[in-house]
């Protein structure tokens, strides 16, 4: 019996007749874990200590910045060039956003799901920004402030347009 056979049995039992890219999901999870491990190793090597707590302002900035960055990565017209190897354009989806469907199988499909899902990508972005607050707090606060300002500006644009109608 090969090492892959038990995994293939689990995948077959789970999929319920559908093509589900469990190997791709596993690769994504391992990649995320590896990146967290690298950030942790860098922090330890530099002697960086974790903050006792994050301030409410940091949490708000992280939330707004994660929201904006995840929308930019997963839905923005301008970043569609990054998603194109994994997706197919369907139609416009609102202000400067597009609707895309995932294409391919295995890892390609799993990556396509990740880069088209703001909820999924948000976990990665929040992790990166949180690591940034620990490893490079000044630069990260600058980035989170800028992304938060753009998010607030977007909502104000949408509110302004709605008020005109």
Protein backbone atom coordinates (compact mmCIF):
# COMPACT_ATOMS: atom_id res chain seq x y z
CA UNK A 1 0.00 0.00 0.00
CA UNK A 2 1.39 3.42 -0.95
CA UNK A 3 1.33 6.37 1.38
CA UNK A 4 -1.20 8.11 -0.90
CA UNK A 5 -3.80 5.33 -0.83
CA UNK A 6 -5.32 6.16 2.60
CA UNK A 7 -5.54 9.83 1.58
CA UNK A 8 -7.23 8.89 -1.70
CA UNK A 9 -9.77 6.73 0.18
CA UNK A 10 -10.58 9.61 2.53
CA UNK A 11 -10.85 12.02 -0.39
CA UNK A 12 -13.18 9.67 -2.27
CA UNK A 13 -15.39 9.13 0.80
CA UNK A 14 -15.51 12.86 1.51
CA UNK A 15 -16.18 14.10 -2.04
CA UNK A 16 -19.63 12.50 -2.39
CA UNK A 17 -19.13 12.10 -6.14
CA UNK A 18 -17.84 15.66 -6.64
CA UNK A 19 -14.31 16.70 -7.57
CA UNK A 20 -12.99 18.25 -4.36
CA UNK A 21 -9.32 19.34 -4.31
CA UNK A 22 -8.39 18.05 -0.85
CA UNK A 23 -4.72 17.74 -1.85
CA UNK A 24 -4.79 21.38 -2.91
CA UNK A 25 -6.42 22.37 0.37
CA UNK A 26 -3.74 20.42 2.23
CA UNK A 27 -1.04 22.25 0.24
CA UNK A 28 -2.67 25.59 1.12
CA UNK A 29 -2.86 24.72 4.81
CA UNK A 30 0.75 23.55 4.84
CA UNK A 31 1.83 26.75 3.06
CA UNK A 32 0.00 28.90 5.61
CA UNK A 33 1.52 26.92 8.47
CA UNK A 34 4.98 27.23 6.92
CA UNK A 35 4.61 31.00 6.57
CA UNK A 36 3.50 31.31 10.20
CA UNK A 37 6.48 29.17 11.17
CA UNK A 38 8.87 31.37 9.18
CA UNK A 39 7.44 34.53 10.78
CA UNK A 40 7.81 32.93 14.21
CA UNK A 41 11.40 31.86 13.49
CA UNK A 42 12.30 35.33 12.23
CA UNK A 43 10.81 36.88 15.35
CA UNK A 44 12.65 34.52 17.66
CA UNK A 45 15.93 34.98 15.81
CA UNK A 46 15.59 38.77 16.11
CA UNK A 47 14.63 38.48 19.77
CA UNK A 48 11.27 40.10 19.11
CA UNK A 49 8.81 39.75 21.94
CA UNK A 50 5.09 39.47 21.42
CA UNK A 51 3.17 42.53 22.58
CA UNK A 52 1.27 42.09 25.84
CA UNK A 53 -1.84 43.16 23.98
CA UNK A 54 -2.95 44.95 20.85
CA UNK A 55 -4.83 48.18 21.30
CA UNK A 56 -8.44 48.57 20.16
CA UNK A 57 -7.13 50.99 17.52
CA UNK A 58 -4.78 48.28 16.20
CA UNK A 59 -7.70 45.86 16.03
CA UNK A 60 -9.87 48.33 14.13
CA UNK A 61 -7.03 49.12 11.71
CA UNK A 62 -6.36 45.39 11.22
CA UNK A 63 -10.04 44.73 10.55
CA UNK A 64 -10.46 47.56 8.07
CA UNK A 65 -7.15 46.85 6.35
CA UNK A 66 -7.86 43.13 6.12
CA UNK A 67 -11.28 43.85 4.62
CA UNK A 68 -9.87 46.22 2.01
CA UNK A 69 -6.86 44.10 1.12
CA UNK A 70 -8.96 40.93 0.80
CA UNK A 71 -11.40 42.73 -1.55
CA UNK A 72 -8.48 44.07 -3.59
CA UNK A 73 -6.89 40.63 -3.92
CA UNK A 74 -10.08 38.66 -4.61
CA UNK A 75 -12.45 40.97 -6.46
CA UNK A 76 -10.64 43.99 -7.93
CA UNK A 77 -10.50 44.39 -11.70
CA UNK A 78 -6.89 45.52 -11.53
CA UNK A 79 -5.71 42.39 -9.67
CA UNK A 80 -7.53 40.02 -12.04
CA UNK A 81 -4.19 39.48 -13.78
CA UNK A 82 -3.00 37.73 -10.59
CA UNK A 83 -6.10 35.50 -10.45
CA UNK A 84 -6.27 34.76 -14.19
CA UNK A 85 -4.23 31.51 -14.08
CA UNK A 86 -6.79 30.09 -11.63
CA UNK A 87 -10.07 31.71 -12.67
CA UNK A 88 -12.33 32.60 -15.57
CA UNK A 89 -13.92 36.04 -15.91
CA UNK A 90 -17.73 35.96 -15.77
CA UNK A 91 -19.03 39.53 -15.49
CA UNK A 92 -18.71 42.84 -13.65
CA UNK A 93 -19.73 42.65 -9.99
CA UNK A 94 -20.20 46.19 -8.81
CA UNK A 95 -17.86 49.12 -8.38
CA UNK A 96 -14.46 48.12 -9.86
CA UNK A 97 -15.05 44.46 -8.98
CA UNK A 98 -15.48 41.35 -11.09
CA UNK A 99 -17.19 37.97 -10.73
CA UNK A 100 -14.97 35.04 -11.62
CA UNK A 101 -15.31 31.27 -11.48
CA UNK A 102 -12.60 28.89 -10.40
CA UNK A 103 -11.04 26.65 -13.03
CA UNK A 104 -8.69 23.70 -13.05
CA UNK A 105 -8.30 20.74 -10.72
CA UNK A 106 -6.25 19.90 -7.65
CA UNK A 107 -3.91 22.60 -6.37
CA UNK A 108 -4.88 24.99 -9.19
CA UNK A 109 -8.55 24.72 -8.20
CA UNK A 110 -7.76 25.14 -4.50
CA UNK A 111 -5.68 28.25 -5.19
CA UNK A 112 -8.51 29.56 -7.38
CA UNK A 113 -10.93 29.16 -4.49
CA UNK A 114 -8.53 30.94 -2.16
CA UNK A 115 -7.90 33.93 -4.47
CA UNK A 116 -11.60 34.45 -5.23
CA UNK A 117 -12.86 34.23 -1.65
CA UNK A 118 -12.41 37.38 0.45
CA UNK A 119 -13.24 35.42 3.61
CA UNK A 120 -10.53 32.83 2.87
CA UNK A 121 -7.93 35.35 1.76
CA UNK A 122 -8.77 37.50 4.76
CA UNK A 123 -7.29 34.87 7.08
CA UNK A 124 -3.98 35.01 5.20
CA UNK A 125 -3.95 38.81 5.10
CA UNK A 126 -4.87 39.17 8.76
CA UNK A 127 -2.10 36.71 9.64
CA UNK A 128 0.44 38.65 7.60
CA UNK A 129 -0.62 42.01 9.01
CA UNK A 130 -0.61 40.66 12.57
CA UNK A 131 2.88 39.25 12.05
CA UNK A 132 3.82 42.63 10.63
CA UNK A 133 2.62 44.38 13.78
CA UNK A 134 5.01 42.19 15.76
CA UNK A 135 8.00 42.21 13.39
CA UNK A 136 7.72 45.68 11.80
CA UNK A 137 5.09 47.65 13.71
CA UNK A 138 5.76 51.11 12.25
CA UNK A 139 5.64 49.99 8.62
CA UNK A 140 2.63 47.78 9.27
CA UNK A 141 0.70 50.56 10.98
CA UNK A 142 1.44 52.76 7.97
CA UNK A 143 0.11 50.09 5.57
CA UNK A 144 -2.95 49.28 7.71
CA UNK A 145 -3.74 52.98 8.06
CA UNK A 146 -3.55 53.50 4.30
CA UNK A 147 -5.71 50.44 3.55
CA UNK A 148 -8.20 51.49 6.22
CA UNK A 149 -8.40 54.99 4.75
CA UNK A 150 -9.15 53.50 1.31
CA UNK A 151 -11.85 51.25 2.81
CA UNK A 152 -13.50 54.18 4.55
CA UNK A 153 -13.23 56.24 1.37
CA UNK A 154 -14.87 53.45 -0.63
CA UNK A 155 -17.81 53.33 1.78
CA UNK A 156 -18.15 57.11 1.63
CA UNK A 157 -18.19 56.99 -2.19
CA UNK A 158 -20.87 54.32 -2.12
CA UNK A 159 -22.88 56.26 0.47
CA UNK A 160 -22.57 59.46 -1.54
CA UNK A 161 -23.74 57.72 -4.71
CA UNK A 162 -26.66 56.14 -2.85
CA UNK A 163 -27.63 59.50 -1.36
CA UNK A 164 -27.76 61.07 -4.83
CA UNK A 165 -30.32 58.53 -6.03
